[in-house]
Amino acid sequence: MGLSSSLSIAIFLLYFTSVLAGPDKKKPDYLTQIDGLDTDYYRKTCPKAEEIISKKVKHWISKDYTLGASLLRLHFHDCAIRGCDGSVLVNTTGSERYAKASRTLRGFDVIDDIKAELEDKCPKTVSCADILTAVARDATHEIGGPYWSLKYGRKDGRKSLAEEAEGVPMGRESVTGLIQFFQSKGLTLIDLVVLSGAHTIGRCSCGSIQYRIYNYTEYGLADPSIDLKFLNFLQRKCRQASEYTELDAVTPTIFDSVYYKNLQQRMGLLSTDQMLYADSRTGPLVKALAAQHNLFYQQFGVSMKKLSKVQVLTGDEGEVRTKCFAFN
């Protein structure tokens, strides 16, 4: 291992210990036991639940590889609003699904398909929140990402409001705003930078970035933080807001740490991506993850497990929907 790689790991570990070992010395969130969640939650009531979900995910992604990133994003949006309660799946007027922030979400048909088979095999047993959590893990693994163990027992929420979904980060926030948002969910600075690495795959609507490449200032100039060649590429590709472009222009279909290397080359697609590298609080983490793919790979699973525990409902706090798109 070279000196630069060792230094990168040292920087990451320094940040890791300093973030987790706060003044109150609390146990890290990912080690905290949540009553009602258990690895063997469905062992007796639906023993093949994970197998059914995994096979379905594999089937859908074999038909459309881009669904991998979409399913991962769907899980993040769910957890980022009211917690991991499946509320983003509800398809009623005024629900989260109808919020502006949710307009480009995909993968609902995958969840509905999985739920239908689980209802056939194990009626009224497996929650939509647990399905979405497992789907995000399996989709990540199917496209080359890590695999992590999960605990189950989440219940589905009984409320879904479009106005609450507008608080989900959309790529134009400040780093401080992102840090505060993640902290409000019990997630750390490390989780912010690592989970942003999900942008190693997937696409973004050109309408979301046109302000950066055409009119970042009141004088109609582009964002000066964008590499000139990359800017020219984006301006050619994103003439229409309805078009799409890859979040990682270098290896768009590979789950890797090139996303972080792109930031070092001023090739972050979203403003928030590029600011992670420029900000002194997050920049060292970007450098460490760019230098060590395995570091990103391993930590991504850790941070995803933490995300899956955000504000979960257990016991009588929620329900098990028979259809994920509608309350019982």
Protein backbone atom coordinates (compact mmCIF):
# COMPACT_ATOMS: atom_id res chain seq x y z
CA MET A 1 0.00 0.00 0.00
CA GLY A 2 1.41 3.38 -1.02
CA LEU A 3 1.94 6.35 1.24
CA SER A 4 -0.96 8.29 -0.28
CA SER A 5 -3.34 5.38 0.30
CA SER A 6 -2.24 5.01 3.90
CA LEU A 7 -2.67 8.74 4.43
CA SER A 8 -6.16 8.63 2.94
CA ILE A 9 -7.22 5.86 5.30
CA ALA A 10 -5.65 7.70 8.24
CA ILE A 11 -7.60 10.86 7.40
CA PHE A 12 -10.83 8.91 7.08
CA LEU A 13 -10.32 7.08 10.36
CA LEU A 14 -9.48 10.35 12.10
CA TYR A 15 -12.74 11.85 10.87
CA PHE A 16 -14.60 8.67 11.71
CA THR A 17 -13.49 8.61 15.32
CA SER A 18 -13.90 12.35 15.85
CA VAL A 19 -17.43 12.36 14.46
CA LEU A 20 -18.58 9.30 16.39
CA ALA A 21 -16.83 10.14 19.64
CA GLY A 22 -18.64 13.37 20.38
CA PRO A 23 -18.54 15.12 23.75
CA ASP A 24 -21.36 12.94 25.14
CA LYS A 25 -19.59 9.71 24.06
CA LYS A 26 -22.86 8.21 22.85
CA LYS A 27 -22.89 4.83 21.16
CA PRO A 28 -22.81 5.20 17.35
CA ASP A 29 -26.31 5.07 15.85
CA TYR A 30 -25.53 2.07 13.67
CA LEU A 31 -24.74 0.05 16.82
CA THR A 32 -27.90 1.11 18.62
CA GLN A 33 -30.52 -1.61 19.07
CA ILE A 34 -34.01 -0.61 17.97
CA ASP A 35 -36.73 -2.53 19.78
CA GLY A 36 -38.90 -4.39 17.32
CA LEU A 37 -36.26 -4.91 14.63
CA ASP A 38 -34.65 -8.32 14.26
CA THR A 39 -32.63 -10.17 11.64
CA ASP A 40 -34.95 -13.18 12.06
CA TYR A 41 -38.17 -11.17 12.18
CA TYR A 42 -39.74 -13.13 9.28
CA ARG A 43 -38.03 -16.47 9.97
CA LYS A 44 -41.27 -18.19 11.01
CA THR A 45 -43.94 -16.02 9.37
CA CYS A 46 -42.37 -15.59 5.91
CA PRO A 47 -39.06 -17.47 5.76
CA LYS A 48 -38.54 -16.91 2.03
CA ALA A 49 -39.21 -13.16 2.09
CA GLU A 50 -35.61 -12.14 1.34
CA GLU A 51 -35.30 -14.78 -1.37
CA ILE A 52 -38.49 -13.58 -3.07
CA ILE A 53 -37.38 -9.95 -2.94
CA SER A 54 -33.90 -10.75 -4.23
CA LYS A 55 -35.19 -12.77 -7.21
CA LYS A 56 -37.65 -10.05 -8.16
CA VAL A 57 -35.00 -7.34 -7.99
CA LYS A 58 -32.67 -9.41 -10.16
CA HIS A 59 -35.48 -9.94 -12.69
CA TRP A 60 -36.42 -6.26 -12.94
CA ILE A 61 -32.84 -4.99 -13.19
CA SER A 62 -32.06 -7.58 -15.88
CA LYS A 63 -34.77 -5.88 -17.94
CA ASP A 64 -33.74 -2.31 -17.08
CA TYR A 65 -30.32 -1.75 -15.51
CA THR A 66 -31.13 1.88 -14.68
CA LEU A 67 -33.67 0.72 -12.10
CA GLY A 68 -30.81 -0.06 -9.71
CA ALA A 69 -30.08 3.59 -9.05
CA SER A 70 -33.79 4.45 -9.06
CA LEU A 71 -34.63 1.92 -6.35
CA LEU A 72 -31.77 3.12 -4.19
CA ARG A 73 -32.99 6.70 -4.56
CA LEU A 74 -36.57 5.68 -3.77
CA HIS A 75 -35.43 4.24 -0.44
CA PHE A 76 -33.47 7.39 0.40
CA HIS A 77 -36.47 9.61 -0.31
CA ASP A 78 -38.65 7.42 1.87
CA CYS A 79 -36.28 7.54 4.84
CA ALA A 80 -35.49 11.24 4.37
CA ILE A 81 -39.08 12.42 4.78
CA ARG A 82 -40.96 10.73 7.65
CA GLY A 83 -38.40 8.00 8.26
CA CYS A 84 -38.27 4.56 6.66
CA ASP A 85 -42.02 3.91 6.78
CA GLY A 86 -42.98 3.34 3.15
CA SER A 87 -44.89 6.62 3.03
CA VAL A 88 -43.29 7.63 -0.29
CA LEU A 89 -45.06 4.68 -1.94
CA VAL A 90 -48.60 5.88 -1.20
CA ASN A 91 -50.40 6.93 -4.36
CA THR A 92 -53.15 9.28 -3.22
CA THR A 93 -53.73 12.95 -3.98
CA GLY A 94 -51.59 15.11 -1.70
CA SER A 95 -49.17 12.30 -0.77
CA GLU A 96 -45.35 12.47 -0.89
CA ARG A 97 -45.45 10.84 -4.29
CA TYR A 98 -47.09 13.99 -5.71
CA ALA A 99 -44.49 16.41 -4.34
CA LYS A 100 -42.22 18.32 -6.70
CA ALA A 101 -39.22 16.54 -5.16
CA SER A 102 -40.75 13.17 -6.07
CA ARG A 103 -41.56 13.80 -9.72
CA THR A 104 -38.60 11.87 -11.09
CA LEU A 105 -38.83 8.92 -8.68
CA ARG A 106 -39.10 5.52 -10.35
CA GLY A 107 -39.47 1.90 -9.34
CA PHE A 108 -42.93 1.91 -7.79
CA ASP A 109 -44.03 -0.90 -10.10
CA VAL A 110 -41.14 -3.04 -8.82
CA ILE A 111 -42.31 -2.62 -5.24
CA ASP A 112 -45.92 -3.36 -6.19
CA ASP A 113 -44.85 -6.53 -8.01
CA ILE A 114 -42.84 -7.77 -5.03
CA LYS A 115 -45.63 -6.92 -2.61
CA ALA A 116 -48.17 -8.85 -4.69
CA GLU A 117 -46.08 -12.04 -4.56
CA LEU A 118 -45.38 -11.66 -0.84
CA GLU A 119 -49.10 -11.18 -0.19
CA ASP A 120 -49.74 -14.39 -2.10
CA LYS A 121 -47.12 -16.33 -0.13
CA CYS A 122 -47.40 -14.58 3.27
CA PRO A 123 -50.57 -12.45 3.51
CA LYS A 124 -50.50 -9.33 5.68
CA THR A 125 -47.01 -10.10 6.96
CA VAL A 126 -44.16 -8.25 5.21
CA SER A 127 -44.35 -4.46 5.43
CA CYS A 128 -43.75 -2.18 2.48
CA ALA A 129 -41.12 -0.34 4.53
CA ASP A 130 -39.16 -3.57 4.94
CA ILE A 131 -39.61 -4.43 1.27
CA LEU A 132 -38.22 -1.08 0.15
CA THR A 133 -35.29 -1.38 2.57
CA ALA A 134 -34.37 -4.84 1.27
CA VAL A 135 -34.89 -3.78 -2.34
CA ALA A 136 -32.39 -0.91 -1.95
CA ARG A 137 -29.79 -3.34 -0.57
CA ASP A 138 -30.39 -5.97 -3.25
CA ALA A 139 -30.47 -3.41 -6.07
CA THR A 140 -27.16 -1.95 -4.90
CA HIS A 141 -25.59 -5.40 -4.82
CA GLU A 142 -27.07 -6.35 -8.20
CA ILE A 143 -25.31 -3.40 -9.89
CA GLY A 144 -21.96 -4.18 -8.31
CA GLY A 145 -22.23 -2.53 -4.91
CA PRO A 146 -21.80 -4.03 -1.44
CA TYR A 147 -24.20 -6.34 0.38
CA TRP A 148 -25.12 -5.75 4.01
CA SER A 149 -27.24 -7.56 6.56
CA LEU A 150 -30.57 -6.05 7.60
CA LYS A 151 -32.94 -6.20 10.52
CA TYR A 152 -36.66 -6.29 9.82
CA GLY A 153 -39.86 -5.40 11.60
CA ARG A 154 -40.54 -1.90 10.28
CA LYS A 155 -44.19 -0.96 10.08
CA ASP A 156 -45.81 1.15 7.39
CA GLY A 157 -46.80 4.71 8.18
CA ARG A 158 -50.40 5.90 8.11
CA LYS A 159 -49.60 9.38 6.84
CA SER A 160 -48.01 10.75 3.65
CA LEU A 161 -47.94 14.48 2.93
CA ALA A 162 -46.55 16.14 -0.20
CA GLU A 163 -45.47 19.28 1.65
CA GLU A 164 -43.17 17.26 3.91
CA ALA A 165 -41.35 15.84 0.90
CA GLU A 166 -40.19 19.28 -0.19
CA GLY A 167 -37.49 19.15 2.47
CA VAL A 168 -35.56 16.39 0.67
CA PRO A 169 -32.18 17.63 -0.67
CA MET A 170 -32.44 18.40 -4.39
CA GLY A 171 -28.89 19.41 -5.30
CA ARG A 172 -28.95 23.15 -4.67
CA GLU A 173 -28.43 23.25 -0.91
CA SER A 174 -25.35 24.50 0.92
CA VAL A 175 -23.03 22.01 2.60
CA THR A 176 -24.11 23.43 5.95
CA GLY A 177 -27.73 22.82 4.99
CA LEU A 178 -26.94 19.23 4.01
CA ILE A 179 -25.05 18.59 7.24
CA GLN A 180 -27.95 19.95 9.27
CA PHE A 181 -30.45 17.86 7.33
CA PHE A 182 -28.47 14.66 7.85
CA GLN A 183 -27.94 15.42 11.52
CA SER A 184 -31.69 15.88 11.93
CA LYS A 185 -32.03 12.26 10.81
CA GLY A 186 -29.34 10.99 13.19
CA LEU A 187 -26.76 10.72 10.40
CA THR A 188 -23.23 12.09 10.46
CA LEU A 189 -20.89 14.05 8.25
CA ILE A 190 -19.41 10.74 7.11
CA ASP A 191 -22.82 9.40 6.16
CA LEU A 192 -23.46 12.54 4.10
CA VAL A 193 -20.29 12.13 2.05
CA VAL A 194 -20.55 8.35 1.74
CA LEU A 195 -24.23 8.26 0.78
CA SER A 196 -23.62 11.04 -1.75
CA GLY A 197 -21.41 8.43 -3.41
CA ALA A 198 -24.62 6.75 -4.60
CA HIS A 199 -24.27 9.28 -7.43
CA THR A 200 -21.69 6.90 -8.87
CA ILE A 201 -24.66 5.48 -10.80
CA GLY A 202 -27.90 6.85 -12.17
CA ARG A 203 -29.03 9.86 -14.14
CA CYS A 204 -30.21 13.40 -13.51
CA SER A 205 -32.69 15.47 -15.48
CA CYS A 206 -31.03 18.27 -17.41
CA GLY A 207 -33.63 20.63 -16.02
CA SER A 208 -32.01 20.21 -12.60
CA ILE A 209 -28.63 21.50 -13.75
CA GLN A 210 -29.37 23.98 -16.53
CA TYR A 211 -29.01 26.89 -14.14
CA ARG A 212 -25.43 25.74 -13.43
CA ILE A 213 -24.38 25.50 -17.05
CA TYR A 214 -26.27 28.43 -18.56
CA ASN A 215 -27.25 30.99 -15.96
CA TYR A 216 -25.47 30.48 -12.64
CA THR A 217 -25.01 34.23 -12.28
CA GLU A 218 -27.37 37.06 -13.16
CA TYR A 219 -25.17 37.72 -16.19
CA GLY A 220 -25.91 34.36 -17.83
CA LEU A 221 -22.56 32.75 -17.00
CA ALA A 222 -21.95 29.14 -16.00
CA ASP A 223 -20.84 27.95 -12.58
CA PRO A 224 -17.07 28.68 -12.51
CA SER A 225 -16.44 25.54 -10.44
CA ILE A 226 -17.21 23.31 -13.46
CA ASP A 227 -14.29 22.04 -15.53
CA LEU A 228 -14.40 23.75 -18.93
CA LYS A 229 -14.39 20.56 -21.03
CA PHE A 230 -17.06 19.06 -18.81
CA LEU A 231 -19.09 22.25 -19.12
CA ASN A 232 -18.91 22.08 -22.92
CA PHE A 233 -20.05 18.46 -22.78
CA LEU A 234 -23.00 19.32 -20.54
CA GLN A 235 -24.06 22.29 -22.64
CA ARG A 236 -24.17 20.07 -25.72
CA LYS A 237 -26.06 17.30 -23.96
CA CYS A 238 -28.49 19.42 -21.94
CA ARG A 239 -29.95 21.83 -24.46
CA GLN A 240 -33.41 20.60 -23.46
CA ALA A 241 -34.58 20.42 -19.84
CA SER A 242 -36.37 17.15 -20.62
CA GLU A 243 -33.11 15.37 -21.47
CA TYR A 244 -31.07 13.32 -18.98
CA THR A 245 -27.37 13.05 -18.24
CA GLU A 246 -25.33 10.67 -16.10
CA LEU A 247 -24.41 11.63 -12.54
CA ASP A 248 -20.99 10.02 -13.11
CA ALA A 249 -19.87 10.87 -16.64
CA VAL A 250 -16.80 8.60 -16.50
CA THR A 251 -18.14 5.23 -15.29
CA PRO A 252 -21.93 5.77 -15.25
CA THR A 253 -22.90 2.09 -15.01
CA ILE A 254 -20.27 0.94 -12.51
CA PHE A 255 -20.65 1.18 -8.73
CA ASP A 256 -17.23 2.57 -7.82
CA SER A 257 -15.43 5.49 -6.18
CA VAL A 258 -14.83 7.36 -9.45
CA TYR A 259 -17.60 9.75 -8.37
CA TYR A 260 -15.18 11.18 -5.80
CA LYS A 261 -12.36 11.38 -8.33
CA ASN A 262 -14.69 13.33 -10.60
CA LEU A 263 -15.17 15.91 -7.85
CA GLN A 264 -11.41 16.37 -7.67
CA GLN A 265 -11.47 17.06 -11.42
CA ARG A 266 -14.32 19.61 -11.02
CA MET A 267 -16.72 17.22 -12.73
CA GLY A 268 -19.44 17.03 -10.11
CA LEU A 269 -22.82 17.19 -11.85
CA LEU A 270 -24.86 18.67 -9.02
CA SER A 271 -23.80 21.81 -7.23
CA THR A 272 -23.97 19.98 -3.90
CA ASP A 273 -21.67 17.25 -5.23
CA GLN A 274 -18.94 19.70 -6.20
CA MET A 275 -19.27 21.65 -2.95
CA LEU A 276 -18.50 18.51 -0.94
CA TYR A 277 -14.98 18.63 -2.34
CA ALA A 278 -14.56 22.38 -1.91
CA ASP A 279 -15.77 22.51 1.69
CA SER A 280 -13.08 22.07 4.36
CA ARG A 281 -15.37 19.89 6.48
CA THR A 282 -16.12 17.33 3.77
CA GLY A 283 -13.22 17.72 1.35
CA PRO A 284 -10.78 15.46 3.26
CA LEU A 285 -13.37 12.68 3.25
CA VAL A 286 -13.85 13.05 -0.51
CA LYS A 287 -10.09 12.70 -0.99
CA ALA A 288 -9.90 9.61 1.22
CA LEU A 289 -12.78 7.88 -0.55
CA ALA A 290 -11.40 8.80 -3.97
CA ALA A 291 -8.12 7.12 -3.10
CA GLN A 292 -9.60 3.93 -1.66
CA HIS A 293 -12.45 2.16 -3.46
CA ASN A 294 -12.65 -0.51 -0.75
CA LEU A 295 -13.06 2.18 1.88
CA PHE A 296 -16.09 3.56 0.04
CA TYR A 297 -17.44 0.08 -0.65
CA GLN A 298 -17.31 -0.96 3.00
CA GLN A 299 -18.52 2.30 4.50
CA PHE A 300 -21.43 2.53 2.06
CA GLY A 301 -22.97 -0.57 3.60
CA VAL A 302 -22.49 0.84 7.10
CA SER A 303 -24.12 4.15 6.21
CA MET A 304 -26.99 2.44 4.40
CA LYS A 305 -27.71 0.33 7.49
CA LYS A 306 -27.88 3.54 9.51
CA LEU A 307 -30.17 5.13 6.94
CA SER A 308 -32.51 2.13 7.11
CA LYS A 309 -33.05 2.76 10.84
CA VAL A 310 -34.07 6.41 10.55
CA GLN A 311 -37.30 7.10 12.45
CA VAL A 312 -38.66 3.60 11.92
CA LEU A 313 -42.08 2.56 13.21
CA THR A 314 -42.36 -0.76 15.05
CA GLY A 315 -45.02 -2.69 16.94
CA ASP A 316 -48.33 -0.84 17.04
CA GLU A 317 -46.84 2.41 15.72
CA GLY A 318 -47.80 1.55 12.16
CA GLU A 319 -49.46 -1.07 9.98
CA VAL A 320 -48.62 -3.71 7.39
CA ARG A 321 -50.26 -2.53 4.18
CA THR A 322 -51.74 -5.13 1.88
CA LYS A 323 -50.99 -2.81 -1.05
CA CYS A 324 -47.99 -0.50 -0.84
CA PHE A 325 -49.69 2.30 -2.77
CA ALA A 326 -52.66 2.59 -0.38
CA PHE A 327 -53.32 2.72 3.34
CA ASN A 328 -55.32 -0.20 4.74
